[in-house]
Amino acid sequence: MRIVLVRPKSAGNVGAVARAMKNLGLNDLRLVAPRRGSETAAVVRSVHAADVLARAQRHPTLAEAIADCAWVVGTTCRPGSYRRRMLSPREAAQEVVSIAAANRAALVFGPEDHGLSNEDLKRCHELVTIPTHSSYPSLNLAQAVGICCYELFLARHAARTPVPALATSDRLERLYDQLRRALLHIGFLHGANPEHIMFTLRRIFGRAHLDAREAAIWTGIARQIEWFAEGGREVAEEKRRRGLRLK
């Protein structure tokens, strides 16, 4: 299970996250465009988890940090049109652990001041929010990571049915790029804001748990739609008149 911190602002928080991870048996930490800070502060806050910090990998973008992951869960405390289906850590943990048995999975946390952006969230298959009191719903980054890791720790020790290997995030992004082009060609997506509908389609495909073959089939369907819209219809009709196979 991978923990991804997107644009973290405090080195001390990164160290505290490493400590929480080691407390609960996790060691794969990824940092996306972290703000430069005191490495000493990170090590001090990590206490005996300096090894987790030392192994942490840095990436310029979230896409690169999760490229090899088949299941990505984003965390948020803010409602919005792209944040309608949100699970608690306990509700999400069992599914995450089942998928992680045969796939790389990631739990993604945003910056301390405003959390993950909509651009970040579109790369997540599920969203998690931690229930808190309405008088002060915002959690410290390390606290949020600790709560989610604790639920994952409990779920790992419960009976589960493993989910087979799924298509990686990188593979799904290629599908979404092809699907976007195809749906723009036929006028299904609005050219000024194609991501509004694409966000919903991402969530639908995410819940379908596509494997690599299924993702390739859908990519092929989208490619065929684009070909048909670009003039392939005439070619197809000519082949039908001549009794030839389309492919």
Protein backbone atom coordinates (compact mmCIF):
# COMPACT_ATOMS: atom_id res chain seq x y z
CA MET A 1 0.00 0.00 0.00
CA ARG A 2 1.43 3.34 -1.07
CA ILE A 3 0.90 6.63 0.75
CA VAL A 4 1.16 9.68 -1.52
CA LEU A 5 1.48 13.22 -0.18
CA VAL A 6 0.70 15.80 -2.84
CA ARG A 7 2.54 19.11 -2.49
CA PRO A 8 3.10 18.83 1.30
CA LYS A 9 4.12 22.13 2.86
CA SER A 10 5.65 21.05 6.18
CA ALA A 11 8.70 18.83 6.50
CA GLY A 12 7.64 18.11 10.07
CA ASN A 13 4.31 16.76 8.85
CA VAL A 14 6.11 14.51 6.36
CA GLY A 15 8.17 13.09 9.22
CA ALA A 16 5.07 12.54 11.35
CA VAL A 17 3.40 10.75 8.42
CA ALA A 18 6.41 8.43 8.13
CA ARG A 19 6.07 7.61 11.83
CA ALA A 20 2.35 6.84 11.51
CA MET A 21 3.05 4.62 8.52
CA LYS A 22 5.71 2.59 10.32
CA ASN A 23 3.47 2.25 13.39
CA LEU A 24 0.94 0.50 11.17
CA GLY A 25 3.21 -1.58 8.94
CA LEU A 26 3.49 0.61 5.82
CA ASN A 27 6.71 1.83 4.22
CA ASP A 28 6.01 3.04 0.65
CA LEU A 29 5.91 6.84 0.87
CA ARG A 30 5.78 9.07 -2.21
CA LEU A 31 6.09 12.87 -2.19
CA VAL A 32 4.69 14.92 -5.08
CA ALA A 33 6.37 18.31 -5.56
CA PRO A 34 7.10 18.80 -1.83
CA ARG A 35 7.99 22.26 -0.58
CA ARG A 36 11.63 22.55 0.39
CA GLY A 37 12.06 22.41 4.17
CA SER A 38 14.31 21.27 6.96
CA GLU A 39 15.17 17.60 6.55
CA THR A 40 16.21 17.66 10.20
CA ALA A 41 12.64 18.56 11.19
CA ALA A 42 11.32 15.63 9.17
CA VAL A 43 13.75 13.18 10.76
CA VAL A 44 13.04 14.45 14.29
CA ARG A 45 9.26 14.10 13.81
CA SER A 46 9.66 10.64 12.28
CA VAL A 47 11.32 9.38 15.53
CA HIS A 48 12.23 5.74 14.67
CA ALA A 49 10.83 5.87 11.12
CA ALA A 50 13.80 7.62 9.50
CA ASP A 51 14.16 4.56 7.24
CA VAL A 52 10.72 5.24 5.75
CA LEU A 53 11.80 8.82 5.02
CA ALA A 54 15.07 7.68 3.48
CA ARG A 55 13.24 5.36 1.06
CA ALA A 56 10.58 7.95 0.14
CA GLN A 57 10.51 8.72 -3.58
CA ARG A 58 9.83 12.17 -5.02
CA HIS A 59 7.78 12.82 -8.15
CA PRO A 60 7.00 16.04 -10.04
CA THR A 61 3.34 15.07 -10.63
CA LEU A 62 0.65 12.89 -9.09
CA ALA A 63 0.31 11.06 -12.43
CA GLU A 64 3.90 9.83 -12.13
CA ALA A 65 3.53 8.88 -8.47
CA ILE A 66 0.58 6.56 -9.23
CA ALA A 67 1.37 5.47 -12.80
CA ASP A 68 1.89 1.81 -11.79
CA CYS A 69 -1.08 1.70 -9.38
CA ALA A 70 -4.31 -0.10 -10.24
CA TRP A 71 -6.39 1.46 -7.47
CA VAL A 72 -6.13 5.03 -6.19
CA VAL A 73 -8.11 6.46 -3.29
CA GLY A 74 -8.16 10.21 -2.70
CA THR A 75 -8.95 11.90 0.59
CA THR A 76 -11.03 15.05 0.99
CA CYS A 77 -13.04 16.89 3.61
CA ARG A 78 -14.73 19.32 1.21
CA PRO A 79 -18.04 18.63 -0.60
CA GLY A 80 -18.54 19.54 -4.25
CA SER A 81 -19.92 18.39 -7.59
CA TYR A 82 -16.93 16.06 -8.09
CA ARG A 83 -17.03 14.79 -4.50
CA ARG A 84 -20.51 13.32 -4.20
CA ARG A 85 -19.66 9.68 -3.44
CA MET A 86 -17.41 9.69 -0.40
CA LEU A 87 -16.67 6.73 1.87
CA SER A 88 -15.37 6.65 5.41
CA PRO A 89 -11.91 5.08 5.92
CA ARG A 90 -13.58 2.02 7.46
CA GLU A 91 -15.93 1.59 4.49
CA ALA A 92 -13.08 1.88 1.99
CA ALA A 93 -10.46 -0.17 3.85
CA GLN A 94 -11.78 -3.66 3.07
CA GLU A 95 -12.03 -2.98 -0.66
CA VAL A 96 -8.59 -1.34 -0.73
CA VAL A 97 -6.96 -4.25 1.07
CA SER A 98 -8.62 -6.81 -1.21
CA ILE A 99 -7.39 -4.99 -4.29
CA ALA A 100 -3.91 -4.43 -2.85
CA ALA A 101 -3.45 -8.20 -2.43
CA ALA A 102 -2.73 -8.49 -6.19
CA ASN A 103 -2.32 -4.87 -7.29
CA ARG A 104 -0.46 -1.74 -6.36
CA ALA A 105 -2.79 0.63 -4.54
CA ALA A 106 -2.32 4.18 -3.32
CA LEU A 107 -3.93 6.41 -0.73
CA VAL A 108 -3.51 10.07 -1.69
CA PHE A 109 -3.49 13.12 0.60
CA GLY A 110 -3.44 16.76 -0.47
CA PRO A 111 -1.65 19.86 0.83
CA GLU A 112 -2.27 20.91 4.40
CA ASP A 113 -4.03 24.17 3.52
CA HIS A 114 -6.65 23.15 0.94
CA GLY A 115 -6.36 19.43 0.16
CA LEU A 116 -6.53 17.77 -3.23
CA SER A 117 -7.65 19.78 -6.26
CA ASN A 118 -10.31 18.59 -8.71
CA GLU A 119 -7.48 17.86 -11.16
CA ASP A 120 -5.93 15.55 -8.53
CA LEU A 121 -9.26 13.91 -7.68
CA LYS A 122 -10.03 12.95 -11.27
CA ARG A 123 -7.20 10.39 -11.06
CA CYS A 124 -8.76 8.70 -8.02
CA HIS A 125 -11.12 5.72 -8.25
CA GLU A 126 -12.75 6.36 -4.88
CA LEU A 127 -12.87 9.24 -2.40
CA VAL A 128 -12.58 8.96 1.37
CA THR A 129 -13.56 11.51 3.99
CA ILE A 130 -12.90 11.15 7.70
CA PRO A 131 -15.97 11.90 9.84
CA THR A 132 -15.25 14.73 12.28
CA HIS A 133 -17.17 17.18 14.44
CA SER A 134 -18.75 20.00 12.45
CA SER A 135 -17.22 22.65 14.72
CA TYR A 136 -13.70 21.80 13.47
CA PRO A 137 -13.66 19.28 10.60
CA SER A 138 -10.08 19.88 9.39
CA LEU A 139 -7.49 17.33 10.52
CA ASN A 140 -3.73 17.63 10.66
CA LEU A 141 -2.13 15.77 7.73
CA ALA A 142 -0.36 13.20 9.91
CA GLN A 143 -3.54 12.62 11.93
CA ALA A 144 -5.50 11.94 8.75
CA VAL A 145 -2.85 9.52 7.47
CA GLY A 146 -2.75 7.77 10.84
CA ILE A 147 -6.52 7.24 10.94
CA CYS A 148 -6.62 5.84 7.40
CA CYS A 149 -3.59 3.59 7.97
CA TYR A 150 -5.16 2.27 11.17
CA GLU A 151 -8.29 1.21 9.30
CA LEU A 152 -6.15 -0.46 6.64
CA PHE A 153 -4.20 -2.26 9.39
CA LEU A 154 -7.42 -3.65 10.86
CA ALA A 155 -8.77 -4.65 7.44
CA ARG A 156 -5.57 -6.52 6.56
CA HIS A 157 -6.22 -8.89 9.45
CA ALA A 158 -9.83 -9.60 8.48
CA ALA A 159 -11.00 -12.29 6.04
CA ARG A 160 -11.12 -11.00 2.47
CA THR A 161 -11.46 -12.15 -1.13
CA PRO A 162 -8.51 -10.89 -3.20
CA VAL A 163 -9.29 -8.90 -6.35
CA PRO A 164 -7.32 -10.07 -9.44
CA ALA A 165 -4.81 -7.89 -11.28
CA LEU A 166 -6.35 -4.67 -12.64
CA ALA A 167 -5.32 -2.15 -15.28
CA THR A 168 -2.80 0.36 -13.95
CA SER A 169 -3.47 4.08 -13.62
CA ASP A 170 -1.15 4.75 -16.56
CA ARG A 171 -3.09 2.26 -18.73
CA LEU A 172 -6.42 3.78 -17.75
CA GLU A 173 -5.20 7.29 -18.55
CA ARG A 174 -4.52 6.15 -22.12
CA LEU A 175 -8.09 4.82 -22.28
CA TYR A 176 -9.50 8.11 -20.96
CA ASP A 177 -7.45 10.15 -23.45
CA GLN A 178 -8.75 8.05 -26.36
CA LEU A 179 -12.32 8.12 -25.05
CA ARG A 180 -12.20 11.91 -24.64
CA ARG A 181 -11.06 12.36 -28.25
CA ALA A 182 -13.75 10.00 -29.56
CA LEU A 183 -16.59 11.62 -27.61
CA LEU A 184 -15.47 15.09 -28.67
CA HIS A 185 -15.53 13.96 -32.32
CA ILE A 186 -19.13 12.81 -32.12
CA GLY A 187 -20.23 15.85 -30.11
CA PHE A 188 -21.11 13.98 -26.93
CA LEU A 189 -18.68 16.06 -24.85
CA HIS A 190 -18.87 19.85 -24.72
CA GLY A 191 -15.67 21.21 -26.20
CA ALA A 192 -15.45 24.03 -23.66
CA ASN A 193 -15.54 21.68 -20.66
CA PRO A 194 -15.12 18.00 -21.59
CA GLU A 195 -13.80 17.11 -18.12
CA HIS A 196 -17.21 17.65 -16.50
CA ILE A 197 -18.61 14.45 -18.04
CA MET A 198 -15.22 12.74 -18.22
CA PHE A 199 -14.97 12.94 -14.44
CA THR A 200 -18.18 10.92 -14.10
CA LEU A 201 -17.01 8.41 -16.73
CA ARG A 202 -13.75 7.97 -14.81
CA ARG A 203 -15.70 7.08 -11.68
CA ILE A 204 -17.91 4.61 -13.60
CA PHE A 205 -14.91 2.82 -15.13
CA GLY A 206 -13.13 2.94 -11.79
CA ARG A 207 -15.95 1.11 -10.03
CA ALA A 208 -15.91 -1.50 -12.84
CA HIS A 209 -12.40 -2.66 -11.77
CA LEU A 210 -11.17 -3.07 -15.37
CA ASP A 211 -8.28 -5.41 -16.02
CA ALA A 212 -5.69 -4.72 -18.75
CA ARG A 213 -7.60 -6.68 -21.44
CA GLU A 214 -10.88 -4.93 -20.66
CA ALA A 215 -9.19 -1.53 -20.74
CA ALA A 216 -7.68 -2.43 -24.13
CA ILE A 217 -11.11 -3.41 -25.47
CA TRP A 218 -12.65 -0.11 -24.37
CA THR A 219 -9.70 1.77 -25.87
CA GLY A 220 -10.31 -0.06 -29.13
CA ILE A 221 -14.01 0.83 -29.04
CA ALA A 222 -13.16 4.50 -28.51
CA ARG A 223 -10.58 4.40 -31.31
CA GLN A 224 -13.17 2.87 -33.65
CA ILE A 225 -15.69 5.59 -32.77
CA GLU A 226 -13.11 8.24 -33.62
CA TRP A 227 -12.22 6.50 -36.90
CA PHE A 228 -15.90 6.24 -37.84
CA ALA A 229 -16.47 9.94 -37.09
CA GLU A 230 -13.43 10.98 -39.15
CA GLY A 231 -14.63 9.35 -42.37
CA GLY A 232 -14.56 5.68 -41.58
CA ARG A 233 -18.30 5.47 -42.13
CA GLU A 234 -17.86 5.69 -45.91
CA VAL A 235 -15.20 2.99 -45.81
CA ALA A 236 -17.45 0.77 -43.72
CA GLU A 237 -20.43 1.23 -46.03
CA GLU A 238 -18.31 0.44 -49.09
CA LYS A 239 -17.05 -2.78 -47.49
CA ARG A 240 -20.60 -3.79 -46.64
CA ARG A 241 -21.71 -3.23 -50.25
CA ARG A 242 -18.85 -5.43 -51.43
CA GLY A 243 -19.56 -8.10 -48.84
CA LEU A 244 -16.22 -7.58 -47.10
CA ARG A 245 -15.51 -7.79 -43.42
CA LEU A 246 -15.02 -4.43 -41.68
CA LYS A 247 -11.85 -5.66 -39.97
